[in-house]
C-alpha atoms as a PDB file:
ATOM      1  CA  UNK A   1      -6.173 -13.229  -5.208  1.00  0.00           C
ATOM      2  CA  UNK A   2      -2.972 -13.891  -6.283  1.00  0.00           C
ATOM      3  CA  UNK A   3      -0.316 -14.672  -3.348  1.00  0.00           C
ATOM      4  CA  UNK A   4       3.200 -14.244  -2.839  1.00  0.00           C
ATOM      5  CA  UNK A   5       3.226 -18.117  -2.313  1.00  0.00           C
ATOM      6  CA  UNK A   6       1.203 -19.119  -5.283  1.00  0.00           C
ATOM      7  CA  UNK A   7       3.736 -17.378  -7.314  1.00  0.00           C
ATOM      8  CA  UNK A   8       6.751 -18.971  -5.142  1.00  0.00           C
ATOM      9  CA  UNK A   9       5.365 -22.722  -5.706  1.00  0.00           C
ATOM     10  CA  UNK A  10       4.580 -21.432  -9.321  1.00  0.00           C
ATOM     11  CA  UNK A  11       8.440 -20.121 -10.256  1.00  0.00           C
ATOM     12  CA  UNK A  12       9.530 -23.720  -8.184  1.00  0.00           C
ATOM     13  CA  UNK A  13       7.544 -25.770 -10.890  1.00  0.00           C
ATOM     14  CA  UNK A  14       8.709 -24.038 -13.788  1.00  0.00           C
ATOM     15  CA  UNK A  15      12.063 -24.574 -12.317  1.00  0.00           C
ATOM     16  CA  UNK A  16      11.181 -28.394 -11.485  1.00  0.00           C
ATOM     17  CA  UNK A  17       9.725 -28.950 -15.133  1.00  0.00           C
ATOM     18  CA  UNK A  18      13.386 -27.748 -17.018  1.00  0.00           C
ATOM     19  CA  UNK A  19      15.068 -30.051 -14.932  1.00  0.00           C
ATOM     20  CA  UNK A  20      12.654 -32.652 -16.196  1.00  0.00           C
ATOM     21  CA  UNK A  21      12.718 -31.611 -19.662  1.00  0.00           C
ATOM     22  CA  UNK A  22      16.574 -31.355 -19.939  1.00  0.00           C
ATOM     23  CA  UNK A  23      17.158 -34.239 -17.762  1.00  0.00           C
ATOM     24  CA  UNK A  24      14.279 -36.660 -20.548  1.00  0.00           C
ATOM     25  CA  UNK A  25      15.295 -34.798 -23.696  1.00  0.00           C
ATOM     26  CA  UNK A  26      11.915 -34.540 -24.528  1.00  0.00           C
ATOM     27  CA  UNK A  27      10.128 -31.315 -25.228  1.00  0.00           C
ATOM     28  CA  UNK A  28      13.987 -28.972 -25.122  1.00  0.00           C
ATOM     29  CA  UNK A  29      12.253 -26.326 -27.362  1.00  0.00           C
ATOM     30  CA  UNK A  30       9.836 -25.431 -24.049  1.00  0.00           C
ATOM     31  CA  UNK A  31      12.728 -25.515 -21.437  1.00  0.00           C
ATOM     32  CA  UNK A  32      13.363 -21.603 -22.361  1.00  0.00           C
ATOM     33  CA  UNK A  33       9.752 -20.455 -21.487  1.00  0.00           C
ATOM     34  CA  UNK A  34       9.790 -22.520 -18.456  1.00  0.00           C
ATOM     35  CA  UNK A  35      13.010 -20.795 -17.616  1.00  0.00           C
ATOM     36  CA  UNK A  36      11.405 -17.571 -18.294  1.00  0.00           C
ATOM     37  CA  UNK A  37       8.334 -18.046 -16.959  1.00  0.00           C
ATOM     38  CA  UNK A  38      10.046 -19.359 -13.232  1.00  0.00           C
ATOM     39  CA  UNK A  39      11.994 -15.616 -13.340  1.00  0.00           C
ATOM     40  CA  UNK A  40       8.524 -13.772 -14.247  1.00  0.00           C
ATOM     41  CA  UNK A  41       7.048 -15.985 -10.971  1.00  0.00           C
ATOM     42  CA  UNK A  42      10.043 -15.290  -8.771  1.00  0.00           C
ATOM     43  CA  UNK A  43       9.380 -11.326  -9.448  1.00  0.00           C
ATOM     44  CA  UNK A  44       6.365 -11.098  -8.818  1.00  0.00           C
ATOM     45  CA  UNK A  45       6.341 -13.555  -5.254  1.00  0.00           C
ATOM     46  CA  UNK A  46       8.534 -10.815  -4.708  1.00  0.00           C
ATOM     47  CA  UNK A  47       6.426  -8.035  -5.543  1.00  0.00           C
ATOM     48  CA  UNK A  48       3.630  -8.730  -3.866  1.00  0.00           C
ATOM     49  CA  UNK A  49       5.397  -9.925  -0.818  1.00  0.00           C
ATOM     50  CA  UNK A  50       6.992  -6.564  -0.310  1.00  0.00           C
ATOM     51  CA  UNK A  51       3.797  -4.684  -1.142  1.00  0.00           C
ATOM     52  CA  UNK A  52       3.907  -4.177  -4.302  1.00  0.00           C
ATOM     53  CA  UNK A  53       1.036  -4.620  -6.781  1.00  0.00           C
ATOM     54  CA  UNK A  54       1.470  -4.517 -10.770  1.00  0.00           C
ATOM     55  CA  UNK A  55      -1.200  -3.648 -13.388  1.00  0.00           C
ATOM     56  CA  UNK A  56      -0.384  -6.620 -15.911  1.00  0.00           C
ATOM     57  CA  UNK A  57      -1.706  -4.626 -19.364  1.00  0.00           C
ATOM     58  CA  UNK A  58       1.610  -5.351 -21.068  1.00  0.00           C
ATOM     59  CA  UNK A  59       1.613  -8.691 -19.511  1.00  0.00           C
ATOM     60  CA  UNK A  60       5.364  -9.794 -18.103  1.00  0.00           C
ATOM     61  CA  UNK A  61       6.840  -6.727 -18.797  1.00  0.00           C
ATOM     62  CA  UNK A  62       5.135  -4.710 -16.305  1.00  0.00           C
ATOM     63  CA  UNK A  63       6.427  -7.084 -14.006  1.00  0.00           C
ATOM     64  CA  UNK A  64      10.063  -6.797 -15.208  1.00  0.00           C
ATOM     65  CA  UNK A  65       9.662  -3.300 -15.223  1.00  0.00           C
ATOM     66  CA  UNK A  66       8.541  -3.496 -11.638  1.00  0.00           C
ATOM     67  CA  UNK A  67      11.032  -5.364 -10.521  1.00  0.00           C
ATOM     68  CA  UNK A  68      13.916  -3.109 -12.309  1.00  0.00           C
ATOM     69  CA  UNK A  69      12.149  -0.209  -9.858  1.00  0.00           C
ATOM     70  CA  UNK A  70      11.907  -1.814  -7.248  1.00  0.00           C
ATOM     71  CA  UNK A  71      13.490  -5.511  -6.625  1.00  0.00           C
ATOM     72  CA  UNK A  72      16.688  -5.722  -4.757  1.00  0.00           C
ATOM     73  CA  UNK A  73      19.558  -3.827  -6.038  1.00  0.00           C
ATOM     74  CA  UNK A  74      22.288  -6.660  -6.165  1.00  0.00           C
ATOM     75  CA  UNK A  75      19.510  -8.917  -7.853  1.00  0.00           C
ATOM     76  CA  UNK A  76      18.120  -6.025 -10.115  1.00  0.00           C
ATOM     77  CA  UNK A  77      20.222  -6.511 -13.301  1.00  0.00           C
ATOM     78  CA  UNK A  78      20.929 -10.316 -12.194  1.00  0.00           C
ATOM     79  CA  UNK A  79      17.499 -11.886 -12.961  1.00  0.00           C
ATOM     80  CA  UNK A  80      17.024  -9.108 -15.819  1.00  0.00           C
ATOM     81  CA  UNK A  81      19.981 -10.590 -17.506  1.00  0.00           C
ATOM     82  CA  UNK A  82      18.611 -14.346 -17.033  1.00  0.00           C
ATOM     83  CA  UNK A  83      15.625 -13.669 -18.718  1.00  0.00           C
ATOM     84  CA  UNK A  84      17.191 -11.525 -21.703  1.00  0.00           C
ATOM     85  CA  UNK A  85      19.383 -15.215 -21.589  1.00  0.00           C
ATOM     86  CA  UNK A  86      16.440 -17.666 -21.948  1.00  0.00           C
ATOM     87  CA  UNK A  87      15.092 -15.282 -24.747  1.00  0.00           C
ATOM     88  CA  UNK A  88      18.829 -16.134 -26.387  1.00  0.00           C
ATOM     89  CA  UNK A  89      18.316 -20.008 -25.568  1.00  0.00           C
ATOM     90  CA  UNK A  90      14.623 -19.886 -27.421  1.00  0.00           C
ATOM     91  CA  UNK A  91      16.746 -18.526 -30.542  1.00  0.00           C
ATOM     92  CA  UNK A  92      19.723 -20.637 -30.268  1.00  0.00           C
ATOM     93  CA  UNK A  93      17.602 -23.854 -30.304  1.00  0.00           C
ATOM     94  CA  UNK A  94      15.115 -23.410 -32.610  1.00  0.00           C
ATOM     95  CA  UNK A  95      16.476 -20.130 -34.991  1.00  0.00           C
ATOM     96  CA  UNK A  96      13.401 -17.717 -36.698  1.00  0.00           C
ATOM     97  CA  UNK A  97      12.101 -17.167 -40.203  1.00  0.00           C
ATOM     98  CA  UNK A  98      15.308 -15.916 -41.748  1.00  0.00           C
ATOM     99  CA  UNK A  99      17.556 -18.386 -39.382  1.00  0.00           C
ATOM    100  CA  UNK A 100      18.646 -21.424 -39.101  1.00  0.00           C
ATOM    101  CA  UNK A 101      19.234 -22.939 -34.732  1.00  0.00           C
ATOM    102  CA  UNK A 102      23.334 -21.229 -33.772  1.00  0.00           C
ATOM    103  CA  UNK A 103      24.219 -24.135 -31.732  1.00  0.00           C
ATOM    104  CA  UNK A 104      23.886 -27.882 -31.923  1.00  0.00           C
ATOM    105  CA  UNK A 105      21.658 -29.575 -29.408  1.00  0.00           C
ATOM    106  CA  UNK A 106      24.447 -30.875 -27.393  1.00  0.00           C
ATOM    107  CA  UNK A 107      25.590 -27.634 -26.882  1.00  0.00           C
ATOM    108  CA  UNK A 108      22.710 -26.341 -26.240  1.00  0.00           C
ATOM    109  CA  UNK A 109      21.874 -28.531 -23.747  1.00  0.00           C
ATOM    110  CA  UNK A 110      25.122 -27.547 -22.466  1.00  0.00           C
ATOM    111  CA  UNK A 111      23.997 -23.772 -22.281  1.00  0.00           C
ATOM    112  CA  UNK A 112      20.719 -24.771 -20.980  1.00  0.00           C
ATOM    113  CA  UNK A 113      21.631 -26.030 -18.128  1.00  0.00           C
ATOM    114  CA  UNK A 114      24.022 -23.724 -17.196  1.00  0.00           C
ATOM    115  CA  UNK A 115      20.963 -20.943 -17.474  1.00  0.00           C
ATOM    116  CA  UNK A 116      18.951 -23.254 -15.394  1.00  0.00           C
ATOM    117  CA  UNK A 117      21.675 -23.887 -12.744  1.00  0.00           C
ATOM    118  CA  UNK A 118      21.839 -19.308 -12.615  1.00  0.00           C
ATOM    119  CA  UNK A 119      18.364 -19.074 -12.640  1.00  0.00           C
ATOM    120  CA  UNK A 120      17.928 -21.599  -9.816  1.00  0.00           C
ATOM    121  CA  UNK A 121      20.232 -20.031  -7.490  1.00  0.00           C
ATOM    122  CA  UNK A 122      18.931 -16.205  -7.988  1.00  0.00           C
ATOM    123  CA  UNK A 123      15.899 -17.570  -7.472  1.00  0.00           C
ATOM    124  CA  UNK A 124      16.749 -18.835  -4.708  1.00  0.00           C
ATOM    125  CA  UNK A 125      18.986 -15.866  -3.379  1.00  0.00           C
ATOM    126  CA  UNK A 126      15.173 -13.698  -4.226  1.00  0.00           C
ATOM    127  CA  UNK A 127      13.190 -15.867  -2.153  1.00  0.00           C
ATOM    128  CA  UNK A 128      15.167 -16.092   0.525  1.00  0.00           C
ATOM    129  CA  UNK A 129      14.639 -13.128   1.926  1.00  0.00           C
ATOM    130  CA  UNK A 130      10.526 -13.425   1.499  1.00  0.00           C
ATOM    131  CA  UNK A 131       8.836 -14.479   4.964  1.00  0.00           C
ATOM    132  CA  UNK A 132       6.391 -17.370   4.934  1.00  0.00           C
ATOM    133  CA  UNK A 133       2.777 -16.574   5.177  1.00  0.00           C
ATOM    134  CA  UNK A 134      -0.225 -17.887   6.652  1.00  0.00           C
ATOM    135  CA  UNK A 135      -2.557 -19.903   4.601  1.00  0.00           C
END
């Protein structure tokens, strides 16, 4: 059974992966996915720690929806906005079938680092209120 501690560890691991990828410059196309995963795991961890279970029939959409309804008021929109920024980062780096990337790699890296720092702070703030669970 999934525990909030497992989710918290997954969120921290994803943030560490983003930092490593940005520092190395390798596989930066994975950065936005790891940022989004970190946010989702943090939301899931908070929900579980506060006695809420989430159906995952629609994947992470269910987690975002539950967090928007049940999460701490001051962080609800912040975490969802950060998630939207991760989606935007991916588009700015990769473009899509009809659109070329919209930022140079150096401009993108600056925005990605800023998003990482904002995400790291928001997740830390969210998780700070969760008591450690005994194993």
